[in-house]
Amino acid sequence: MRIISGSAFILFCRVFGAFVAFCTHVLLARWMGAEEFGRYVLAWSWLLILAVIPVSGHIAAAMRFIGQGLADKNPGYVLGFVRYAIVLTVISTVLIVLVGSAILFNADGVSGSTQLLYLTALLGVPVMAQIKLHGGMANAFSWISLSFLPNNIARPLLFLFGLLAVWLWYGEINGKSAMWIHLVAMAVVAILLLIYFHLSTRKELGRVQPVYEVSEWSRTAMSLLLLSVFTNNFSELMVITTGFFVPSAELGIYNAALRLALLVKFGLFAVDAFTAPAVTQHYRNKERQEFVRVARRATKLRVLSTLIPLAVFVFAGNFVLGIFGAEFKSGYTVLVILGAAYLPVAAVGPATRMLGVTGFHNQGLKASLFALVLWCLVAPILTSSFGIIGAATAGLITLTAWSAALWFYVYRCLSINTLSFLMFK
């Protein structure tokens, strides 16, 4: 029951945060228009990618090393990892800000307005990195509320309230003002999160001397980095790549379609959140028949949760895109393609979970690396040739290839054909 309630709480935080973020994007799109909205989302995507690169591997590694230290009753080891991750994040993100600022100020043909927008985004990189790192480490301590409430609930709400206040006071919002408001919201959340986290760690660990194993921590974090970026931030990577080849107005339309398509992921996440504990338990108890039965049910639910919104996109895509504004309706084809891209992801079932709990997580890493390389190859070609429809098609190809690779590894390593779960039995 504790696992189920924890999964339900995490699901609530993510769904609620996504809903607030979606509403915020709708408001920004209507207030700014497609072109200015495209400039903002590109800068925001850069902020997220640059913030997660220094920390994603360490967040994933924290689950292993903090958990290991707590299980071994070695608080010095845990404290050493926490301090190592924080210091490395500070150094790497400050370097990112310095290098990025130098590039901005020396770039030819970049307007002062664009420089200010991206400089503000750069200032947000260290702040967002610390929010994500401390949230990830709090999760490793099993402090679920501290892990998910700040970034999934508090930050989106503060940003939304700040936008509404500025809009009501001044009557307009542009990319620069939106980014500044978001920076303030992130700073407030980061300060409170860091204070509460360090008070909690002092209470949990006591006053101990830190123990460091930097080489092992670094190797593990690097091996987990690309997997974490692909699985958690592929949408931002899609926006950034597309932004190199299309005008800001088209990018704004593409992002609106992408935000709608990403709603499909929360149906997948909801199914996985409630079935993952059972999948793990049945495997550990060596109950293969029950393990397969739960995976089969999860697969059918995943496909159903994808087909319903996809049908909405096909038959009412123009209407839902019109929520962002009339000019966004031209993204109908993009919306349908991006929505269809998650159908093969759903069809292979909880493949990543099955590989993870059975000890074949490296195969999941290989599948993600393959898909990431494929995206880097096909996205520039298709986007430069066919614009945002080409970018959406590249996403469909990449996610299909990723799903096929996961299916292959599950079949080879576990002798389970997850596609057969879709048959009526």
Protein backbone atom coordinates (compact mmCIF):
# COMPACT_ATOMS: atom_id res chain seq x y z
CA MET A 1 0.00 0.00 0.00
CA ARG A 2 2.90 2.36 0.72
CA ILE A 3 4.32 1.75 -2.76
CA ILE A 4 0.91 2.27 -4.37
CA SER A 5 0.25 5.49 -2.44
CA GLY A 6 3.73 6.75 -3.28
CA SER A 7 3.20 6.00 -6.97
CA ALA A 8 -0.17 7.77 -6.86
CA PHE A 9 1.40 10.83 -5.24
CA ILE A 10 4.17 10.97 -7.86
CA LEU A 11 1.59 10.57 -10.61
CA PHE A 12 -0.47 13.42 -9.16
CA CYS A 13 2.57 15.71 -8.95
CA ARG A 14 3.61 15.04 -12.53
CA VAL A 15 0.14 15.26 -14.01
CA PHE A 16 -0.75 18.40 -12.07
CA GLY A 17 2.57 20.01 -12.97
CA ALA A 18 2.10 19.10 -16.61
CA PHE A 19 -1.41 20.52 -16.57
CA VAL A 20 -0.20 23.83 -15.10
CA ALA A 21 2.67 23.95 -17.62
CA PHE A 22 0.26 23.23 -20.47
CA CYS A 23 -2.09 26.03 -19.37
CA THR A 24 0.90 28.36 -19.08
CA HIS A 25 2.01 27.53 -22.62
CA VAL A 26 -1.50 28.19 -23.91
CA LEU A 27 -1.56 31.61 -22.23
CA LEU A 28 1.92 32.49 -23.48
CA ALA A 29 1.03 31.45 -27.02
CA ARG A 30 -2.15 33.56 -27.01
CA TRP A 31 -0.41 36.58 -25.46
CA MET A 32 2.76 36.44 -27.55
CA GLY A 33 1.75 34.99 -30.89
CA ALA A 34 3.55 32.19 -32.71
CA GLU A 35 6.80 34.04 -33.48
CA GLU A 36 7.56 35.38 -29.98
CA PHE A 37 6.32 32.14 -28.44
CA GLY A 38 8.76 30.24 -30.66
CA ARG A 39 11.64 32.44 -29.46
CA TYR A 40 10.73 31.84 -25.83
CA VAL A 41 10.31 28.04 -26.06
CA LEU A 42 13.63 27.69 -27.89
CA ALA A 43 15.44 29.64 -25.15
CA TRP A 44 13.63 27.65 -22.45
CA SER A 45 14.54 24.35 -24.15
CA TRP A 46 18.19 25.39 -24.21
CA LEU A 47 17.97 26.23 -20.51
CA LEU A 48 16.58 22.80 -19.66
CA ILE A 49 19.07 20.85 -21.78
CA LEU A 50 22.06 22.78 -20.45
CA ALA A 51 20.77 22.35 -16.89
CA VAL A 52 20.20 18.59 -17.08
CA ILE A 53 23.44 17.64 -18.84
CA PRO A 54 25.61 18.24 -15.73
CA VAL A 55 23.16 16.54 -13.35
CA SER A 56 21.17 13.81 -15.12
CA GLY A 57 23.81 11.14 -14.67
CA HIS A 58 24.31 12.04 -11.03
CA ILE A 59 20.58 12.02 -10.33
CA ALA A 60 20.37 8.46 -11.69
CA ALA A 61 23.56 7.48 -9.82
CA ALA A 62 22.19 8.94 -6.58
CA MET A 63 19.54 6.22 -6.46
CA ARG A 64 22.33 3.65 -6.38
CA PHE A 65 24.99 5.29 -4.23
CA ILE A 66 22.84 7.07 -1.66
CA GLY A 67 20.73 3.94 -1.32
CA GLN A 68 23.89 1.85 -0.98
CA GLY A 69 25.31 4.14 1.71
CA LEU A 70 22.08 4.15 3.70
CA ALA A 71 21.74 0.37 3.46
CA ASP A 72 25.36 -0.11 4.61
CA LYS A 73 24.83 2.39 7.45
CA ASN A 74 27.68 4.48 6.06
CA PRO A 75 26.52 8.12 6.39
CA GLY A 76 29.97 9.46 5.49
CA TYR A 77 29.72 7.79 2.09
CA VAL A 78 26.29 9.34 1.52
CA LEU A 79 27.47 12.81 2.61
CA GLY A 80 30.51 12.49 0.35
CA PHE A 81 28.36 11.75 -2.68
CA VAL A 82 25.98 14.62 -1.89
CA ARG A 83 28.81 17.15 -1.59
CA TYR A 84 30.60 15.80 -4.66
CA ALA A 85 27.45 16.08 -6.80
CA ILE A 86 26.68 19.62 -5.60
CA VAL A 87 30.21 20.95 -6.14
CA LEU A 88 30.53 19.35 -9.57
CA THR A 89 27.17 20.79 -10.60
CA VAL A 90 28.12 24.30 -9.45
CA ILE A 91 31.44 24.20 -11.33
CA SER A 92 30.00 22.77 -14.54
CA THR A 93 26.99 25.10 -14.70
CA VAL A 94 29.07 28.21 -13.97
CA LEU A 95 31.35 27.19 -16.85
CA ILE A 96 28.29 26.78 -19.06
CA VAL A 97 27.14 30.30 -18.17
CA LEU A 98 30.58 31.80 -18.89
CA VAL A 99 31.09 29.98 -22.18
CA GLY A 100 27.51 30.62 -23.30
CA SER A 101 27.76 34.33 -22.46
CA ALA A 102 31.01 34.63 -24.41
CA ILE A 103 29.40 32.98 -27.43
CA LEU A 104 26.38 35.29 -27.20
CA PHE A 105 28.37 38.49 -26.98
CA ASN A 106 30.63 37.51 -29.88
CA ALA A 107 27.91 36.14 -32.18
CA ASP A 108 27.36 38.13 -35.36
CA GLY A 109 23.87 39.14 -36.41
CA VAL A 110 22.25 38.49 -33.02
CA SER A 111 20.03 41.34 -31.84
CA GLY A 112 20.31 42.84 -28.39
CA SER A 113 16.83 41.58 -27.56
CA THR A 114 17.77 38.02 -28.44
CA GLN A 115 21.03 38.30 -26.49
CA LEU A 116 19.14 39.42 -23.40
CA LEU A 117 16.63 36.58 -23.75
CA TYR A 118 19.33 33.92 -23.96
CA LEU A 119 21.49 35.54 -21.28
CA THR A 120 18.51 35.32 -18.91
CA ALA A 121 18.09 31.68 -19.89
CA LEU A 122 21.78 31.05 -19.18
CA LEU A 123 21.42 32.57 -15.71
CA GLY A 124 18.67 30.04 -15.05
CA VAL A 125 20.91 27.06 -15.88
CA PRO A 126 22.68 26.80 -12.46
CA VAL A 127 19.39 27.40 -10.65
CA MET A 128 17.44 24.72 -12.52
CA ALA A 129 20.37 22.30 -12.26
CA GLN A 130 20.36 22.60 -8.46
CA ILE A 131 16.58 22.13 -8.32
CA LYS A 132 16.80 18.95 -10.37
CA LEU A 133 19.86 17.62 -8.52
CA HIS A 134 18.45 18.17 -5.04
CA GLY A 135 15.08 16.78 -6.11
CA GLY A 136 16.79 13.67 -7.47
CA MET A 137 18.87 13.19 -4.32
CA ALA A 138 15.77 13.70 -2.14
CA ASN A 139 14.14 10.89 -4.09
CA ALA A 140 17.13 8.67 -3.31
CA PHE A 141 16.55 9.40 0.40
CA SER A 142 12.85 8.45 -0.16
CA TRP A 143 11.77 12.00 0.69
CA ILE A 144 9.05 11.89 -1.94
CA SER A 145 7.38 15.21 -1.12
CA LEU A 146 10.68 17.10 -1.18
CA SER A 147 11.60 15.37 -4.42
CA PHE A 148 8.49 16.18 -6.45
CA LEU A 149 6.62 19.12 -4.91
CA PRO A 150 9.20 21.90 -5.55
CA ASN A 151 9.84 21.33 -9.27
CA ASN A 152 6.54 19.74 -10.31
CA ILE A 153 4.11 21.88 -8.29
CA ALA A 154 5.70 24.97 -6.71
CA ARG A 155 7.79 26.19 -9.66
CA PRO A 156 5.03 25.94 -12.34
CA LEU A 157 2.49 27.59 -10.03
CA LEU A 158 4.82 30.45 -9.07
CA PHE A 159 5.63 31.01 -12.73
CA LEU A 160 1.96 31.02 -13.71
CA PHE A 161 0.97 33.41 -10.90
CA GLY A 162 3.88 35.68 -11.80
CA LEU A 163 2.82 35.77 -15.45
CA LEU A 164 -0.78 36.56 -14.52
CA ALA A 165 0.32 39.35 -12.18
CA VAL A 166 2.55 40.98 -14.82
CA TRP A 167 -0.12 40.58 -17.49
CA LEU A 168 -2.79 42.20 -15.31
CA TRP A 169 -0.42 45.03 -14.35
CA TYR A 170 1.21 45.80 -17.73
CA GLY A 171 -1.18 44.21 -20.23
CA GLU A 172 1.55 42.43 -22.22
CA ILE A 173 4.13 39.64 -21.98
CA ASN A 174 7.09 38.96 -24.26
CA GLY A 175 9.81 36.33 -24.27
CA LYS A 176 12.26 38.31 -22.14
CA SER A 177 9.76 39.21 -19.44
CA ALA A 178 8.46 35.61 -19.31
CA MET A 179 12.01 34.31 -18.92
CA TRP A 180 12.76 36.78 -16.11
CA ILE A 181 9.57 35.80 -14.29
CA HIS A 182 10.51 32.13 -14.63
CA LEU A 183 14.02 32.86 -13.36
CA VAL A 184 12.61 34.51 -10.22
CA ALA A 185 10.23 31.58 -9.65
CA MET A 186 13.10 29.09 -10.02
CA ALA A 187 15.30 31.07 -7.63
CA VAL A 188 12.64 31.14 -4.91
CA VAL A 189 12.02 27.40 -5.22
CA ALA A 190 15.75 26.61 -5.33
CA ILE A 191 16.54 28.58 -2.16
CA LEU A 192 13.76 26.95 -0.14
CA LEU A 193 14.58 23.49 -1.51
CA LEU A 194 18.29 23.76 -0.71
CA ILE A 195 17.62 24.98 2.84
CA TYR A 196 15.14 22.21 3.61
CA PHE A 197 17.28 19.53 1.93
CA HIS A 198 20.40 20.35 3.91
CA LEU A 199 18.50 20.55 7.19
CA SER A 200 17.05 17.12 6.39
CA THR A 201 20.42 15.59 5.50
CA ARG A 202 21.98 16.91 8.71
CA LYS A 203 19.16 15.32 10.69
CA GLU A 204 19.40 12.06 8.72
CA LEU A 205 23.18 11.66 8.62
CA GLY A 206 24.36 13.54 11.68
CA ARG A 207 27.77 15.18 11.89
CA VAL A 208 30.08 12.82 10.03
CA GLN A 209 33.20 13.07 7.92
CA PRO A 210 32.50 12.68 4.19
CA VAL A 211 33.97 9.72 2.34
CA TYR A 212 34.70 10.14 -1.36
CA GLU A 213 34.89 7.64 -4.23
CA VAL A 214 34.94 10.17 -7.05
CA SER A 215 36.22 7.90 -9.83
CA GLU A 216 33.45 5.31 -9.39
CA TRP A 217 30.75 7.97 -9.03
CA SER A 218 31.95 9.80 -12.15
CA ARG A 219 32.13 6.65 -14.30
CA THR A 220 28.64 5.59 -13.30
CA ALA A 221 27.16 9.06 -13.82
CA MET A 222 28.68 9.37 -17.30
CA SER A 223 27.30 5.98 -18.33
CA LEU A 224 23.79 7.03 -17.22
CA LEU A 225 23.89 10.55 -18.68
CA LEU A 226 22.79 9.92 -22.26
CA LEU A 227 20.06 7.49 -21.20
CA SER A 228 18.65 10.07 -18.78
CA VAL A 229 18.77 12.91 -21.31
CA PHE A 230 17.06 10.87 -24.01
CA THR A 231 14.31 9.43 -21.86
CA ASN A 232 13.56 12.58 -19.84
CA ASN A 233 14.38 15.49 -22.15
CA PHE A 234 13.86 14.26 -25.69
CA SER A 235 11.10 16.84 -26.25
CA GLU A 236 13.48 19.73 -25.49
CA LEU A 237 16.06 18.15 -27.82
CA MET A 238 13.39 18.02 -30.53
CA VAL A 239 12.61 21.73 -30.10
CA ILE A 240 16.28 22.74 -30.14
CA THR A 241 17.09 20.70 -33.25
CA THR A 242 14.02 22.01 -35.06
CA GLY A 243 14.90 25.58 -34.06
CA PHE A 244 18.07 25.44 -36.16
CA PHE A 245 16.10 24.97 -39.38
CA VAL A 246 12.75 26.77 -39.11
CA PRO A 247 11.67 30.36 -38.34
CA SER A 248 10.47 31.27 -34.85
CA ALA A 249 6.81 31.37 -35.90
CA GLU A 250 6.93 27.81 -37.25
CA LEU A 251 8.80 26.67 -34.16
CA GLY A 252 6.03 28.13 -32.00
CA ILE A 253 3.44 26.13 -33.96
CA TYR A 254 5.58 22.99 -33.73
CA ASN A 255 5.95 23.43 -29.97
CA ALA A 256 2.19 23.85 -29.50
CA ALA A 257 1.59 20.55 -31.34
CA LEU A 258 4.37 18.89 -29.35
CA ARG A 259 2.90 20.05 -26.00
CA LEU A 260 -0.43 18.47 -26.97
CA ALA A 261 1.22 15.25 -28.17
CA LEU A 262 3.19 14.95 -24.94
CA LEU A 263 -0.08 14.61 -23.05
CA VAL A 264 -0.10 11.05 -24.40
CA LYS A 265 2.98 10.31 -22.29
CA PHE A 266 1.06 10.86 -19.07
CA GLY A 267 -1.30 8.03 -19.91
CA LEU A 268 1.75 5.81 -20.39
CA PHE A 269 3.31 7.09 -17.19
CA ALA A 270 0.09 6.51 -15.25
CA VAL A 271 -0.08 2.88 -16.39
CA ASP A 272 3.59 2.30 -15.56
CA ALA A 273 3.32 4.01 -12.17
CA PHE A 274 0.59 1.64 -11.03
CA THR A 275 1.92 -1.57 -12.63
CA ALA A 276 5.66 -1.14 -11.98
CA PRO A 277 5.54 -2.31 -8.32
CA ALA A 278 3.73 -5.50 -9.33
CA VAL A 279 6.16 -6.16 -12.20
CA THR A 280 9.10 -5.77 -9.80
CA GLN A 281 7.54 -7.90 -7.07
CA HIS A 282 6.61 -10.80 -9.35
CA TYR A 283 10.09 -10.92 -10.86
CA ARG A 284 11.80 -10.92 -7.45
CA ASN A 285 9.46 -13.70 -6.31
CA LYS A 286 10.34 -15.66 -9.48
CA GLU A 287 6.68 -15.70 -10.53
CA ARG A 288 7.22 -15.60 -14.27
CA GLN A 289 3.61 -16.32 -15.20
CA GLU A 290 2.34 -13.45 -13.06
CA PHE A 291 5.17 -11.24 -14.29
CA VAL A 292 4.06 -11.81 -17.89
CA ARG A 293 0.37 -11.39 -17.00
CA VAL A 294 0.91 -7.94 -15.45
CA ALA A 295 3.11 -6.87 -18.38
CA ARG A 296 0.38 -8.00 -20.82
CA ARG A 297 -2.28 -5.97 -19.03
CA ALA A 298 0.02 -2.95 -18.86
CA THR A 299 0.68 -3.17 -22.60
CA LYS A 300 -3.02 -3.22 -23.49
CA LEU A 301 -3.70 -0.29 -21.16
CA ARG A 302 -0.79 1.66 -22.64
CA VAL A 303 -2.11 1.20 -26.17
CA LEU A 304 -5.63 2.16 -25.14
CA SER A 305 -4.36 5.28 -23.35
CA THR A 306 -2.57 6.26 -26.57
CA LEU A 307 -5.37 5.51 -29.05
CA ILE A 308 -7.91 7.70 -27.27
CA PRO A 309 -5.97 10.99 -27.46
CA LEU A 310 -4.71 10.07 -30.94
CA ALA A 311 -8.33 9.79 -32.09
CA VAL A 312 -8.99 13.22 -30.59
CA PHE A 313 -6.03 14.64 -32.50
CA VAL A 314 -7.25 13.13 -35.79
CA PHE A 315 -10.88 14.23 -35.51
CA ALA A 316 -10.56 17.42 -33.47
CA GLY A 317 -6.94 18.49 -33.98
CA ASN A 318 -7.79 21.87 -35.45
CA PHE A 319 -10.05 22.64 -32.51
CA VAL A 320 -7.53 21.73 -29.79
CA LEU A 321 -4.74 23.61 -31.58
CA GLY A 322 -7.07 26.60 -31.77
CA ILE A 323 -6.80 26.83 -27.99
CA PHE A 324 -3.33 28.30 -28.55
CA GLY A 325 -4.66 30.74 -31.16
CA ALA A 326 -5.96 30.70 -34.72
CA GLU A 327 -2.49 30.74 -36.32
CA PHE A 328 -1.57 27.48 -34.56
CA LYS A 329 -4.21 25.46 -36.44
CA SER A 330 -1.73 25.00 -39.29
CA GLY A 331 0.08 22.48 -37.07
CA TYR A 332 -2.66 19.84 -37.49
CA THR A 333 -0.50 17.43 -39.53
CA VAL A 334 2.39 17.85 -37.11
CA LEU A 335 0.08 17.07 -34.18
CA VAL A 336 -1.23 13.86 -35.74
CA ILE A 337 2.29 12.64 -36.63
CA LEU A 338 3.67 13.40 -33.16
CA GLY A 339 0.67 11.74 -31.51
CA ALA A 340 1.15 8.64 -33.66
CA ALA A 341 4.82 8.55 -32.67
CA TYR A 342 3.85 7.31 -29.20
CA LEU A 343 1.80 4.38 -30.51
CA PRO A 344 4.84 2.10 -31.05
CA VAL A 345 6.16 3.20 -27.65
CA ALA A 346 2.92 2.01 -26.11
CA ALA A 347 2.81 -1.19 -28.17
CA VAL A 348 6.07 -2.64 -26.82
CA GLY A 349 4.70 -2.46 -23.28
CA PRO A 350 6.70 -1.65 -20.14
CA ALA A 351 9.89 -2.77 -21.88
CA THR A 352 12.26 -0.39 -20.06
CA ARG A 353 10.86 -1.48 -16.69
CA MET A 354 11.15 -5.15 -17.63
CA LEU A 355 14.78 -4.72 -18.67
CA GLY A 356 15.56 -2.69 -15.56
CA VAL A 357 14.16 -5.04 -12.93
CA THR A 358 15.72 -8.10 -14.59
CA GLY A 359 19.21 -6.63 -14.61
CA PHE A 360 19.39 -5.87 -18.34
CA HIS A 361 19.34 -2.08 -17.97
CA ASN A 362 22.44 -1.77 -20.16
CA GLN A 363 20.35 -3.02 -23.07
CA GLY A 364 17.94 -0.17 -22.43
CA LEU A 365 20.91 2.18 -22.55
CA LYS A 366 21.98 0.74 -25.91
CA ALA A 367 18.48 1.24 -27.32
CA SER A 368 18.45 4.88 -26.18
CA LEU A 369 21.91 5.56 -27.61
CA PHE A 370 20.83 4.04 -30.92
CA ALA A 371 17.73 6.23 -31.01
CA LEU A 372 19.68 9.35 -30.06
CA VAL A 373 22.19 8.80 -32.86
CA LEU A 374 19.36 8.11 -35.30
CA TRP A 375 17.64 11.37 -34.32
CA CYS A 376 20.83 13.35 -34.85
CA LEU A 377 21.09 11.84 -38.35
CA VAL A 378 17.52 12.06 -39.64
CA ALA A 379 16.19 15.18 -37.91
CA PRO A 380 18.47 17.72 -39.66
CA ILE A 381 17.83 16.13 -43.07
CA LEU A 382 14.05 15.94 -42.79
CA THR A 383 13.61 19.29 -41.01
CA SER A 384 15.76 21.21 -43.48
CA SER A 385 13.82 19.64 -46.36
CA PHE A 386 10.24 19.57 -45.06
CA GLY A 387 10.14 22.01 -42.15
CA ILE A 388 8.14 21.16 -39.04
CA ILE A 389 6.38 18.24 -40.78
CA GLY A 390 9.82 16.78 -41.42
CA ALA A 391 10.76 17.35 -37.77
CA ALA A 392 7.61 15.53 -36.63
CA THR A 393 8.35 12.67 -39.03
CA ALA A 394 11.89 12.43 -37.63
CA GLY A 395 10.36 12.09 -34.17
CA LEU A 396 8.06 9.31 -35.41
CA ILE A 397 11.00 7.45 -36.98
CA THR A 398 13.17 7.83 -33.87
CA LEU A 399 10.57 6.70 -31.35
CA THR A 400 9.59 3.77 -33.58
CA ALA A 401 13.22 2.69 -33.87
CA TRP A 402 13.69 3.06 -30.10
CA SER A 403 10.62 0.94 -29.45
CA ALA A 404 11.81 -1.72 -31.91
CA ALA A 405 15.19 -1.86 -30.19
CA LEU A 406 13.55 -2.26 -26.77
CA TRP A 407 11.30 -5.03 -28.13
CA PHE A 408 14.35 -6.80 -29.55
CA TYR A 409 16.26 -6.72 -26.26
CA VAL A 410 13.27 -7.88 -24.23
CA TYR A 411 12.75 -10.76 -26.65
CA ARG A 412 16.44 -11.73 -26.73
CA CYS A 413 17.14 -11.35 -23.01
CA LEU A 414 13.83 -12.48 -21.49
CA SER A 415 12.32 -14.60 -24.29
CA ILE A 416 9.14 -12.52 -24.10
CA ASN A 417 7.44 -11.13 -27.18
CA THR A 418 5.69 -8.02 -25.85
CA LEU A 419 3.91 -7.42 -29.17
CA SER A 420 2.04 -10.68 -28.64
CA PHE A 421 0.39 -9.05 -25.60
CA LEU A 422 -1.81 -7.09 -28.00
CA MET A 423 -3.51 -10.25 -29.24
CA PHE A 424 -6.93 -11.00 -27.82
CA LYS A 425 -6.59 -13.82 -25.33
